[in-house]
Amino acid sequence: ADLLKGLDELREMKSLSVQSVPINSFHDVRAGMSKLFEEARQQHARTGYNLIVLGCKLSRDQLSPPMIFTTSQAVVDFFPMTLGVTMNDLVSSFEAYSLSGVPGACSCDFSPRRDDTMVLTLESRLSDAMEHTARKMFYTGFGDHITDKFGVVIENWPLPCFAAPSTLRTRIELTTLINSWETGITRFRKLTRAEWDRW
């Protein structure tokens, strides 16, 4: 019984211990990621759930290269379309950030110029779609204040919640929104008379 208890403790210690030799860490990462990726592939096949995994080393002496895993081409296409970067660029930036040791680089301290630029872009494009000068952009009650009165809808909003740029909490949300507008993916559109009547 003591022998079994000792083996269980050794197994737990081995599974949780930090690898001190770079080649051991490399093999551990490779084996662990292979299992994770295979499980994700099976999950995607069963459920159709899309997934992305980015992985990178935390210190220069580690041997593992950056890793990217996706379950579909749609996931791969998402990043250049919304953020203007490829998956390889993203994982390289992630690795550079991880190795740099820069604390707090993802703080929510946005440049006011980018936020203001986004607000002006939205108001300008809304005015163009309305064929009327927009004095204020309504996020809450957009349908009541804008669509009902002017027959304008917003298409392909890239974020989960329709909210003012000033309320965004992360730099990636703001960048996603800006890129989506700049590429024309997100836009205001004037409804046809029939669409407006159905609204």
N, C-alpha and C. Protein backbone atom coordinates (compact mmCIF):
# COMPACT_ATOMS: atom_id res chain seq x y z
N ALA A 1 0.82 -1.19 0.00
CA ALA A 1 0.00 0.00 0.00
C ALA A 1 0.86 1.25 0.00
N ASP A 2 1.96 1.21 0.82
CA ASP A 2 2.87 2.36 0.85
C ASP A 2 3.56 2.56 -0.49
N LEU A 3 3.86 1.44 -1.17
CA LEU A 3 4.51 1.50 -2.46
C LEU A 3 3.59 2.17 -3.49
N LEU A 4 2.29 1.78 -3.48
CA LEU A 4 1.31 2.39 -4.39
C LEU A 4 1.13 3.88 -4.11
N LYS A 5 1.08 4.21 -2.81
CA LYS A 5 0.94 5.62 -2.45
C LYS A 5 2.14 6.42 -2.93
N GLY A 6 3.33 5.85 -2.78
CA GLY A 6 4.55 6.51 -3.24
C GLY A 6 4.56 6.69 -4.75
N LEU A 7 4.08 5.67 -5.49
CA LEU A 7 4.00 5.77 -6.95
C LEU A 7 3.01 6.85 -7.38
N ASP A 8 1.87 6.92 -6.70
CA ASP A 8 0.88 7.96 -7.01
C ASP A 8 1.46 9.35 -6.77
N GLU A 9 2.18 9.52 -5.65
CA GLU A 9 2.78 10.82 -5.36
C GLU A 9 3.85 11.17 -6.40
N LEU A 10 4.64 10.19 -6.80
CA LEU A 10 5.67 10.42 -7.82
C LEU A 10 5.05 10.79 -9.15
N ARG A 11 3.95 10.11 -9.52
CA ARG A 11 3.26 10.40 -10.78
C ARG A 11 2.70 11.82 -10.76
N GLU A 12 2.09 12.22 -9.64
CA GLU A 12 1.54 13.57 -9.54
C GLU A 12 2.65 14.62 -9.59
N MET A 13 3.74 14.36 -8.87
CA MET A 13 4.86 15.30 -8.87
C MET A 13 5.43 15.45 -10.28
N LYS A 14 5.55 14.32 -10.99
CA LYS A 14 6.11 14.34 -12.34
C LYS A 14 5.20 15.11 -13.31
N SER A 15 3.88 14.97 -13.13
CA SER A 15 2.94 15.64 -14.05
C SER A 15 2.88 17.14 -13.81
N LEU A 16 3.22 17.60 -12.60
CA LEU A 16 3.11 19.02 -12.28
C LEU A 16 4.45 19.74 -12.16
N SER A 17 5.55 18.99 -12.17
CA SER A 17 6.86 19.62 -11.94
C SER A 17 7.31 20.40 -13.17
N VAL A 18 8.06 21.47 -12.92
CA VAL A 18 8.61 22.29 -13.98
C VAL A 18 9.80 21.56 -14.58
N GLN A 19 9.83 21.50 -15.92
CA GLN A 19 10.94 20.84 -16.61
C GLN A 19 12.17 21.74 -16.55
N SER A 20 13.28 21.18 -16.09
CA SER A 20 14.49 21.98 -15.95
C SER A 20 15.45 21.82 -17.13
N VAL A 21 15.28 20.80 -17.93
CA VAL A 21 16.15 20.58 -19.08
C VAL A 21 15.36 20.96 -20.34
N PRO A 22 15.90 21.86 -21.19
CA PRO A 22 15.15 22.34 -22.35
C PRO A 22 14.62 21.24 -23.26
N ILE A 23 15.37 20.19 -23.48
CA ILE A 23 14.89 19.13 -24.38
C ILE A 23 13.70 18.39 -23.76
N ASN A 24 13.70 18.23 -22.44
CA ASN A 24 12.55 17.61 -21.77
C ASN A 24 11.31 18.49 -21.91
N SER A 25 11.49 19.79 -21.76
CA SER A 25 10.39 20.74 -21.92
C SER A 25 9.85 20.68 -23.34
N PHE A 26 10.74 20.64 -24.33
CA PHE A 26 10.35 20.56 -25.73
C PHE A 26 9.46 19.34 -25.98
N HIS A 27 9.92 18.16 -25.50
CA HIS A 27 9.15 16.92 -25.72
C HIS A 27 7.83 16.96 -24.96
N ASP A 28 7.85 17.54 -23.76
CA ASP A 28 6.63 17.65 -22.97
C ASP A 28 5.60 18.53 -23.68
N VAL A 29 6.05 19.68 -24.21
CA VAL A 29 5.15 20.58 -24.94
C VAL A 29 4.60 19.87 -26.18
N ARG A 30 5.48 19.23 -26.93
CA ARG A 30 5.06 18.57 -28.17
C ARG A 30 4.02 17.48 -27.89
N ALA A 31 4.27 16.65 -26.88
CA ALA A 31 3.32 15.57 -26.55
C ALA A 31 2.01 16.14 -26.03
N GLY A 32 2.09 17.13 -25.16
CA GLY A 32 0.88 17.72 -24.59
C GLY A 32 0.03 18.42 -25.64
N MET A 33 0.68 19.18 -26.52
CA MET A 33 -0.05 19.89 -27.57
C MET A 33 -0.66 18.92 -28.58
N SER A 34 0.04 17.84 -28.87
CA SER A 34 -0.52 16.82 -29.78
C SER A 34 -1.82 16.26 -29.23
N LYS A 35 -1.84 15.97 -27.95
CA LYS A 35 -3.06 15.46 -27.32
C LYS A 35 -4.17 16.51 -27.37
N LEU A 36 -3.81 17.75 -27.02
CA LEU A 36 -4.78 18.85 -27.03
C LEU A 36 -5.35 19.06 -28.43
N PHE A 37 -4.48 19.09 -29.44
CA PHE A 37 -4.93 19.33 -30.81
C PHE A 37 -5.83 18.20 -31.30
N GLU A 38 -5.48 16.97 -30.96
CA GLU A 38 -6.30 15.83 -31.39
C GLU A 38 -7.68 15.89 -30.73
N GLU A 39 -7.71 16.22 -29.45
CA GLU A 39 -8.99 16.35 -28.74
C GLU A 39 -9.83 17.48 -29.36
N ALA A 40 -9.18 18.59 -29.72
CA ALA A 40 -9.89 19.71 -30.34
C ALA A 40 -10.43 19.32 -31.72
N ARG A 41 -9.64 18.58 -32.50
CA ARG A 41 -10.12 18.11 -33.81
C ARG A 41 -11.37 17.24 -33.66
N GLN A 42 -11.33 16.34 -32.69
CA GLN A 42 -12.48 15.46 -32.45
C GLN A 42 -13.69 16.26 -32.00
N GLN A 43 -13.46 17.23 -31.11
CA GLN A 43 -14.55 18.09 -30.64
C GLN A 43 -15.16 18.85 -31.81
N HIS A 44 -14.32 19.39 -32.68
CA HIS A 44 -14.81 20.12 -33.85
C HIS A 44 -15.61 19.20 -34.77
N ALA A 45 -15.12 17.99 -34.96
CA ALA A 45 -15.82 17.04 -35.83
C ALA A 45 -17.19 16.68 -35.26
N ARG A 46 -17.27 16.55 -33.94
CA ARG A 46 -18.54 16.18 -33.30
C ARG A 46 -19.52 17.34 -33.24
N THR A 47 -19.00 18.55 -32.97
CA THR A 47 -19.90 19.66 -32.65
C THR A 47 -19.86 20.81 -33.65
N GLY A 48 -18.81 20.89 -34.47
CA GLY A 48 -18.66 22.02 -35.38
C GLY A 48 -18.18 23.27 -34.68
N TYR A 49 -17.71 23.15 -33.45
CA TYR A 49 -17.25 24.29 -32.66
C TYR A 49 -15.87 24.71 -33.14
N ASN A 50 -15.71 26.01 -33.50
CA ASN A 50 -14.42 26.51 -33.96
C ASN A 50 -13.52 26.84 -32.79
N LEU A 51 -12.23 26.58 -32.98
CA LEU A 51 -11.27 26.80 -31.91
C LEU A 51 -9.94 27.25 -32.49
N ILE A 52 -9.26 28.10 -31.75
CA ILE A 52 -7.89 28.49 -32.10
C ILE A 52 -7.04 28.36 -30.85
N VAL A 53 -5.82 27.87 -31.04
CA VAL A 53 -4.86 27.78 -29.95
C VAL A 53 -3.56 28.39 -30.45
N LEU A 54 -3.04 29.35 -29.70
CA LEU A 54 -1.73 29.92 -29.97
C LEU A 54 -0.84 29.54 -28.80
N GLY A 55 0.37 29.12 -29.09
CA GLY A 55 1.29 28.75 -28.03
C GLY A 55 2.69 29.26 -28.33
N CYS A 56 3.39 29.66 -27.29
CA CYS A 56 4.77 30.12 -27.48
C CYS A 56 5.55 29.92 -26.19
N LYS A 57 6.85 29.99 -26.32
CA LYS A 57 7.73 29.81 -25.16
C LYS A 57 7.78 31.09 -24.32
N LEU A 58 8.18 30.92 -23.06
CA LEU A 58 8.26 32.04 -22.14
C LEU A 58 9.70 32.46 -21.85
N SER A 59 10.65 31.62 -22.25
CA SER A 59 12.05 32.00 -22.06
C SER A 59 12.87 31.59 -23.27
N ARG A 60 13.94 32.31 -23.50
CA ARG A 60 14.75 32.10 -24.70
C ARG A 60 15.42 30.74 -24.76
N ASP A 61 15.66 30.12 -23.61
CA ASP A 61 16.34 28.83 -23.63
C ASP A 61 15.41 27.65 -23.92
N GLN A 62 14.13 27.90 -24.01
CA GLN A 62 13.20 26.84 -24.40
C GLN A 62 13.33 26.59 -25.90
N LEU A 63 13.13 25.35 -26.32
CA LEU A 63 13.33 24.97 -27.71
C LEU A 63 12.06 24.94 -28.54
N SER A 64 10.92 24.96 -27.92
CA SER A 64 9.65 24.81 -28.64
C SER A 64 9.38 26.02 -29.53
N PRO A 65 9.03 25.78 -30.79
CA PRO A 65 8.68 26.89 -31.68
C PRO A 65 7.26 27.37 -31.37
N PRO A 66 6.89 28.55 -31.86
CA PRO A 66 5.50 29.00 -31.69
C PRO A 66 4.56 28.00 -32.37
N MET A 67 3.39 27.79 -31.80
CA MET A 67 2.43 26.84 -32.36
C MET A 67 1.11 27.53 -32.63
N ILE A 68 0.49 27.12 -33.74
CA ILE A 68 -0.83 27.61 -34.11
C ILE A 68 -1.68 26.39 -34.41
N PHE A 69 -2.87 26.38 -33.86
CA PHE A 69 -3.82 25.31 -34.18
C PHE A 69 -5.17 25.95 -34.44
N THR A 70 -5.81 25.57 -35.53
CA THR A 70 -7.16 26.02 -35.82
C THR A 70 -7.99 24.84 -36.29
N THR A 71 -9.28 24.96 -36.13
CA THR A 71 -10.16 23.87 -36.54
C THR A 71 -10.76 24.06 -37.91
N SER A 72 -10.62 25.27 -38.49
CA SER A 72 -11.20 25.48 -39.81
C SER A 72 -10.54 26.66 -40.51
N GLN A 73 -10.73 26.74 -41.80
CA GLN A 73 -10.19 27.85 -42.58
C GLN A 73 -10.86 29.16 -42.18
N ALA A 74 -12.09 29.10 -41.73
CA ALA A 74 -12.79 30.31 -41.30
C ALA A 74 -12.05 31.00 -40.16
N VAL A 75 -11.49 30.22 -39.26
CA VAL A 75 -10.72 30.79 -38.15
C VAL A 75 -9.46 31.47 -38.68
N VAL A 76 -8.79 30.82 -39.64
CA VAL A 76 -7.58 31.39 -40.24
C VAL A 76 -7.90 32.69 -40.96
N ASP A 77 -9.00 32.73 -41.69
CA ASP A 77 -9.39 33.91 -42.46
C ASP A 77 -9.84 35.08 -41.58
N PHE A 78 -10.30 34.78 -40.38
CA PHE A 78 -10.83 35.81 -39.48
C PHE A 78 -9.79 36.88 -39.15
N PHE A 79 -8.56 36.48 -38.87
CA PHE A 79 -7.56 37.42 -38.38
C PHE A 79 -7.12 38.45 -39.42
N PRO A 80 -6.77 38.05 -40.65
CA PRO A 80 -6.42 39.09 -41.62
C PRO A 80 -7.62 39.99 -41.95
N MET A 81 -8.81 39.41 -41.95
CA MET A 81 -9.99 40.17 -42.31
C MET A 81 -10.34 41.21 -41.24
N THR A 82 -10.22 40.86 -39.97
CA THR A 82 -10.66 41.77 -38.92
C THR A 82 -9.52 42.56 -38.28
N LEU A 83 -8.34 41.94 -38.17
CA LEU A 83 -7.23 42.61 -37.49
C LEU A 83 -6.13 43.04 -38.43
N GLY A 84 -6.18 42.57 -39.66
CA GLY A 84 -5.16 42.94 -40.63
C GLY A 84 -3.83 42.25 -40.40
N VAL A 85 -3.81 41.14 -39.67
CA VAL A 85 -2.58 40.38 -39.45
C VAL A 85 -2.83 38.91 -39.74
N THR A 86 -1.79 38.23 -40.19
CA THR A 86 -1.90 36.78 -40.41
C THR A 86 -1.73 36.07 -39.08
N MET A 87 -2.09 34.80 -39.08
CA MET A 87 -1.92 33.99 -37.87
C MET A 87 -0.44 33.91 -37.49
N ASN A 88 0.43 33.76 -38.49
CA ASN A 88 1.87 33.68 -38.20
C ASN A 88 2.37 34.97 -37.58
N ASP A 89 1.91 36.12 -38.10
CA ASP A 89 2.31 37.40 -37.51
C ASP A 89 1.80 37.52 -36.07
N LEU A 90 0.58 37.06 -35.86
CA LEU A 90 -0.02 37.15 -34.53
C LEU A 90 0.76 36.31 -33.52
N VAL A 91 1.08 35.06 -33.89
CA VAL A 91 1.79 34.20 -32.94
C VAL A 91 3.22 34.69 -32.75
N SER A 92 3.83 35.27 -33.78
CA SER A 92 5.18 35.84 -33.62
C SER A 92 5.15 37.03 -32.67
N SER A 93 4.13 37.88 -32.81
CA SER A 93 3.98 39.01 -31.89
C SER A 93 3.73 38.53 -30.47
N PHE A 94 2.93 37.49 -30.34
CA PHE A 94 2.62 36.91 -29.03
C PHE A 94 3.91 36.39 -28.39
N GLU A 95 4.73 35.71 -29.18
CA GLU A 95 5.99 35.19 -28.65
C GLU A 95 6.92 36.34 -28.26
N ALA A 96 7.02 37.36 -29.10
CA ALA A 96 7.87 38.51 -28.79
C ALA A 96 7.41 39.18 -27.50
N TYR A 97 6.09 39.33 -27.35
CA TYR A 97 5.55 39.91 -26.12
C TYR A 97 5.88 39.04 -24.91
N SER A 98 5.68 37.72 -25.07
CA SER A 98 5.94 36.80 -23.95
C SER A 98 7.41 36.80 -23.54
N LEU A 99 8.30 36.90 -24.52
CA LEU A 99 9.74 36.88 -24.22
C LEU A 99 10.24 38.23 -23.71
N SER A 100 9.54 39.30 -24.04
CA SER A 100 10.02 40.63 -23.68
C SER A 100 9.89 40.92 -22.19
N GLY A 101 8.93 40.29 -21.54
CA GLY A 101 8.72 40.54 -20.12
C GLY A 101 8.12 41.90 -19.84
N VAL A 102 7.49 42.51 -20.84
CA VAL A 102 6.89 43.83 -20.65
C VAL A 102 5.59 43.67 -19.89
N PRO A 103 5.52 44.14 -18.65
CA PRO A 103 4.27 44.02 -17.89
C PRO A 103 3.29 45.11 -18.29
N GLY A 104 2.02 44.76 -18.31
CA GLY A 104 0.99 45.76 -18.53
C GLY A 104 0.89 46.31 -19.93
N ALA A 105 1.49 45.65 -20.92
CA ALA A 105 1.44 46.18 -22.28
C ALA A 105 0.03 46.11 -22.86
N CYS A 106 -0.84 45.33 -22.26
CA CYS A 106 -2.21 45.21 -22.76
C CYS A 106 -3.18 46.01 -21.92
N SER A 107 -2.70 47.06 -21.28
CA SER A 107 -3.61 47.84 -20.45
C SER A 107 -4.66 48.50 -21.33
N CYS A 108 -5.70 48.92 -20.72
CA CYS A 108 -6.80 49.53 -21.45
C CYS A 108 -6.59 51.02 -21.64
N ASP A 109 -5.39 51.48 -21.54
CA ASP A 109 -5.07 52.89 -21.70
C ASP A 109 -4.93 53.22 -23.17
N PHE A 110 -6.04 53.44 -23.84
CA PHE A 110 -6.04 53.68 -25.28
C PHE A 110 -5.52 55.06 -25.61
N SER A 111 -5.03 55.18 -26.81
CA SER A 111 -4.69 56.49 -27.32
C SER A 111 -5.99 57.23 -27.61
N PRO A 112 -6.19 58.41 -27.04
CA PRO A 112 -7.43 59.14 -27.30
C PRO A 112 -7.63 59.43 -28.77
N ARG A 113 -6.54 59.61 -29.51
CA ARG A 113 -6.67 59.91 -30.93
C ARG A 113 -7.36 58.78 -31.68
N ARG A 114 -7.03 57.54 -31.37
CA ARG A 114 -7.64 56.40 -32.08
C ARG A 114 -9.12 56.31 -31.74
N ASP A 115 -9.45 56.50 -30.48
CA ASP A 115 -10.84 56.44 -30.05
C ASP A 115 -11.64 57.57 -30.70
N ASP A 116 -11.09 58.79 -30.68
CA ASP A 116 -11.78 59.92 -31.29
C ASP A 116 -11.93 59.74 -32.80
N THR A 117 -10.90 59.20 -33.43
CA THR A 117 -10.96 58.94 -34.86
C THR A 117 -12.09 57.97 -35.18
N MET A 118 -12.24 56.95 -34.36
CA MET A 118 -13.30 55.96 -34.59
C MET A 118 -14.66 56.62 -34.45
N VAL A 119 -14.84 57.47 -33.46
CA VAL A 119 -16.13 58.16 -33.26
C VAL A 119 -16.44 59.04 -34.46
N LEU A 120 -15.46 59.79 -34.93
CA LEU A 120 -15.68 60.67 -36.09
C LEU A 120 -15.97 59.86 -37.35
N THR A 121 -15.29 58.73 -37.50
CA THR A 121 -15.55 57.85 -38.65
C THR A 121 -16.99 57.35 -38.63
N LEU A 122 -17.45 56.90 -37.46
CA LEU A 122 -18.82 56.40 -37.35
C LEU A 122 -19.84 57.49 -37.64
N GLU A 123 -19.64 58.67 -37.08
CA GLU A 123 -20.60 59.76 -37.30
C GLU A 123 -20.63 60.18 -38.77
N SER A 124 -19.46 60.24 -39.39
CA SER A 124 -19.38 60.62 -40.79
C SER A 124 -20.08 59.60 -41.69
N ARG A 125 -19.80 58.33 -41.44
CA ARG A 125 -20.41 57.29 -42.28
C ARG A 125 -21.91 57.17 -42.02
N LEU A 126 -22.32 57.41 -40.80
CA LEU A 126 -23.75 57.40 -40.50
C LEU A 126 -24.44 58.54 -41.25
N SER A 127 -23.84 59.72 -41.23
CA SER A 127 -24.41 60.87 -41.95
C SER A 127 -24.53 60.57 -43.44
N ASP A 128 -23.50 59.93 -44.01
CA ASP A 128 -23.54 59.58 -45.43
C ASP A 128 -24.69 58.62 -45.72
N ALA A 129 -24.85 57.61 -44.88
CA ALA A 129 -25.91 56.62 -45.11
C ALA A 129 -27.30 57.23 -44.91
N MET A 130 -27.42 58.13 -43.93
CA MET A 130 -28.72 58.75 -43.64
C MET A 130 -29.07 59.82 -44.66
N GLU A 131 -28.06 60.31 -45.38
CA GLU A 131 -28.25 61.45 -46.28
C GLU A 131 -28.76 62.64 -45.47
N HIS A 132 -28.22 62.77 -44.27
CA HIS A 132 -28.65 63.76 -43.31
C HIS A 132 -27.51 63.88 -42.29
N THR A 133 -27.29 65.04 -41.73
CA THR A 133 -26.20 65.20 -40.76
C THR A 133 -26.57 64.55 -39.44
N ALA A 134 -25.77 63.57 -39.05
CA ALA A 134 -25.99 62.89 -37.78
C ALA A 134 -25.39 63.73 -36.66
N ARG A 135 -26.22 64.14 -35.72
CA ARG A 135 -25.73 64.95 -34.62
C ARG A 135 -25.24 64.08 -33.47
N LYS A 136 -25.75 62.87 -33.42
CA LYS A 136 -25.38 61.99 -32.33
C LYS A 136 -25.53 60.55 -32.79
N MET A 137 -24.60 59.72 -32.35
CA MET A 137 -24.67 58.29 -32.64
C MET A 137 -25.32 57.60 -31.45
N PHE A 138 -26.38 56.84 -31.70
CA PHE A 138 -27.07 56.11 -30.63
C PHE A 138 -26.64 54.65 -30.68
N TYR A 139 -26.14 54.16 -29.58
CA TYR A 139 -25.78 52.74 -29.50
C TYR A 139 -26.93 51.98 -28.84
N THR A 140 -27.38 52.50 -27.72
CA THR A 140 -28.56 51.92 -27.08
C THR A 140 -29.77 52.48 -27.82
N GLY A 141 -30.62 51.62 -28.32
CA GLY A 141 -31.80 52.07 -29.05
C GLY A 141 -31.50 52.52 -30.47
N PHE A 142 -30.44 51.96 -31.08
CA PHE A 142 -30.08 52.33 -32.46
C PHE A 142 -31.27 52.13 -33.40
N GLY A 143 -31.98 51.01 -33.23
CA GLY A 143 -33.13 50.73 -34.09
C GLY A 143 -34.22 51.78 -33.97
N ASP A 144 -34.48 52.22 -32.74
CA ASP A 144 -35.53 53.23 -32.52
C ASP A 144 -35.11 54.61 -33.02
N HIS A 145 -33.87 54.99 -32.73
CA HIS A 145 -33.42 56.34 -33.06
C HIS A 145 -32.95 56.51 -34.50
N ILE A 146 -32.39 55.46 -35.09
CA ILE A 146 -31.79 55.60 -36.42
C ILE A 146 -32.57 54.81 -37.47
N THR A 147 -32.76 53.52 -37.24
CA THR A 147 -33.40 52.70 -38.27
C THR A 147 -34.85 53.11 -38.48
N ASP A 148 -35.61 53.28 -37.40
CA ASP A 148 -37.01 53.67 -37.54
C ASP A 148 -37.16 55.03 -38.24
N LYS A 149 -36.30 55.98 -37.90
CA LYS A 149 -36.45 57.34 -38.43
C LYS A 149 -35.81 57.54 -39.79
N PHE A 150 -34.67 56.88 -40.03
CA PHE A 150 -33.91 57.15 -41.25
C PHE A 150 -33.71 55.95 -42.16
N GLY A 151 -34.14 54.75 -41.71
CA GLY A 151 -34.02 53.56 -42.55
C GLY A 151 -32.58 53.10 -42.76
N VAL A 152 -31.74 53.28 -41.75
CA VAL A 152 -30.33 52.88 -41.85
C VAL A 152 -30.05 51.78 -40.84
N VAL A 153 -29.35 50.74 -41.29
CA VAL A 153 -28.94 49.64 -40.41
C VAL A 153 -27.41 49.56 -40.43
N ILE A 154 -26.88 48.88 -39.45
CA ILE A 154 -25.44 48.61 -39.44
C ILE A 154 -25.26 47.13 -39.74
N GLU A 155 -24.32 46.83 -40.62
CA GLU A 155 -24.09 45.44 -41.03
C GLU A 155 -22.71 44.98 -40.58
N ASN A 156 -22.64 43.74 -40.13
CA ASN A 156 -21.39 43.05 -39.80
C ASN A 156 -20.61 43.71 -38.66
N TRP A 157 -21.30 44.10 -37.60
CA TRP A 157 -20.61 44.63 -36.42
C TRP A 157 -19.72 43.52 -35.89
N PRO A 158 -18.41 43.75 -35.73
CA PRO A 158 -17.48 42.66 -35.44
C PRO A 158 -17.37 42.24 -33.98
N LEU A 159 -18.01 42.96 -33.07
CA LEU A 159 -17.87 42.67 -31.65
C LEU A 159 -19.16 42.07 -31.10
N PRO A 160 -19.08 41.36 -29.99
CA PRO A 160 -20.28 40.72 -29.44
C PRO A 160 -21.37 41.72 -29.04
N CYS A 161 -20.97 42.90 -28.55
CA CYS A 161 -21.95 43.90 -28.12
C CYS A 161 -21.81 45.16 -28.97
N PHE A 162 -22.96 45.73 -29.34
CA PHE A 162 -22.97 46.98 -30.08
C PHE A 162 -22.86 48.10 -29.06
N ALA A 163 -21.66 48.71 -28.98
CA ALA A 163 -21.40 49.72 -27.95
C ALA A 163 -20.45 50.78 -28.48
N ALA A 164 -20.44 51.92 -27.81
CA ALA A 164 -19.57 53.04 -28.20
C ALA A 164 -18.11 52.64 -28.09
N PRO A 165 -17.26 53.12 -28.99
CA PRO A 165 -15.83 52.82 -28.90
C PRO A 165 -15.21 53.21 -27.56
N SER A 166 -15.72 54.26 -26.95
CA SER A 166 -15.17 54.71 -25.66
C SER A 166 -15.43 53.71 -24.54
N THR A 167 -16.35 52.78 -24.74
CA THR A 167 -16.64 51.79 -23.70
C THR A 167 -15.87 50.49 -23.89
N LEU A 168 -15.12 50.37 -24.97
CA LEU A 168 -14.38 49.13 -25.23
C LEU A 168 -13.29 48.96 -24.19
N ARG A 169 -13.09 47.73 -23.75
CA ARG A 169 -12.19 47.50 -22.63
C ARG A 169 -10.80 47.03 -23.02
N THR A 170 -10.62 46.60 -24.28
CA THR A 170 -9.30 46.11 -24.68
C THR A 170 -8.87 46.75 -25.99
N ARG A 171 -7.59 46.83 -26.16
CA ARG A 171 -7.01 47.38 -27.38
C ARG A 171 -7.41 46.52 -28.58
N ILE A 172 -7.49 45.22 -28.40
CA ILE A 172 -7.82 44.33 -29.53
C ILE A 172 -9.25 44.59 -30.01
N GLU A 173 -10.17 44.91 -29.11
CA GLU A 173 -11.53 45.24 -29.53
C GLU A 173 -11.54 46.50 -30.39
N LEU A 174 -10.82 47.52 -29.94
CA LEU A 174 -10.77 48.77 -30.69
C LEU A 174 -10.12 48.55 -32.05
N THR A 175 -9.02 47.80 -32.08
CA THR A 175 -8.33 47.52 -33.34
C THR A 175 -9.22 46.73 -34.28
N THR A 176 -9.93 45.75 -33.74
CA THR A 176 -10.86 44.96 -34.55
C THR A 176 -11.92 45.85 -35.17
N LEU A 177 -12.48 46.74 -34.37
CA LEU A 177 -13.52 47.65 -34.85
C LEU A 177 -12.98 48.59 -35.93
N ILE A 178 -11.83 49.18 -35.69
CA ILE A 178 -11.24 50.10 -36.67
C ILE A 178 -10.96 49.37 -37.98
N ASN A 179 -10.32 48.21 -37.90
CA ASN A 179 -10.00 47.46 -39.12
C ASN A 179 -11.25 47.03 -39.88
N SER A 180 -12.28 46.69 -39.14
CA SER A 180 -13.53 46.27 -39.76
C SER A 180 -14.17 47.41 -40.55
N TRP A 181 -14.11 48.64 -40.01
CA TRP A 181 -14.63 49.80 -40.72
C TRP A 181 -13.74 50.17 -41.90
N GLU A 182 -12.42 50.15 -41.67
CA GLU A 182 -11.49 50.56 -42.72
C GLU A 182 -11.52 49.63 -43.93
N THR A 183 -11.78 48.34 -43.70
CA THR A 183 -11.83 47.39 -44.82
C THR A 183 -13.21 47.32 -45.46
N GLY A 184 -14.19 48.01 -44.87
CA GLY A 184 -15.53 48.01 -45.45
C GLY A 184 -16.38 46.81 -45.06
N ILE A 185 -15.87 45.97 -44.18
CA ILE A 185 -16.65 44.80 -43.75
C ILE A 185 -17.86 45.27 -42.93
N THR A 186 -17.61 46.19 -42.01
CA THR A 186 -18.71 46.78 -41.23
C THR A 186 -19.09 48.08 -41.92
N ARG A 187 -20.40 48.31 -42.03
CA ARG A 187 -20.86 49.50 -42.74
C ARG A 187 -22.30 49.82 -42.35
N PHE A 188 -22.67 51.07 -42.58
CA PHE A 188 -24.06 51.47 -42.49
C PHE A 188 -24.67 51.27 -43.86
N ARG A 189 -25.93 50.85 -43.88
CA ARG A 189 -26.60 50.65 -45.16
C ARG A 189 -28.02 51.20 -45.07
N LYS A 190 -28.40 51.94 -46.10
CA LYS A 190 -29.76 52.47 -46.19
C LYS A 190 -30.66 51.34 -46.68
N LEU A 191 -31.73 51.09 -45.95
CA LEU A 191 -32.67 50.03 -46.34
C LEU A 191 -33.45 50.44 -47.59
N THR A 192 -33.81 49.44 -48.36
CA THR A 192 -34.73 49.73 -49.47
C THR A 192 -36.09 50.04 -48.87
N ARG A 193 -36.98 50.58 -49.67
CA ARG A 193 -38.31 50.93 -49.15
C ARG A 193 -39.02 49.69 -48.62
N ALA A 194 -38.92 48.57 -49.34
CA ALA A 194 -39.58 47.33 -48.91
C ALA A 194 -38.98 46.82 -47.60
N GLU A 195 -37.64 46.88 -47.47
CA GLU A 195 -36.98 46.45 -46.22
C GLU A 195 -37.40 47.34 -45.06
N TRP A 196 -37.46 48.63 -45.32
CA TRP A 196 -37.83 49.57 -44.26
C TRP A 196 -39.27 49.36 -43.81
N ASP A 197 -40.17 49.07 -44.75
CA ASP A 197 -41.56 48.79 -44.41
C ASP A 197 -41.67 47.54 -43.54
N ARG A 198 -40.84 46.52 -43.85
CA ARG A 198 -40.87 45.27 -43.06
C ARG A 198 -40.25 45.48 -41.68
N TRP A 199 -39.37 46.47 -41.54
CA TRP A 199 -38.69 46.73 -40.27
C TRP A 199 -39.70 47.09 -39.21
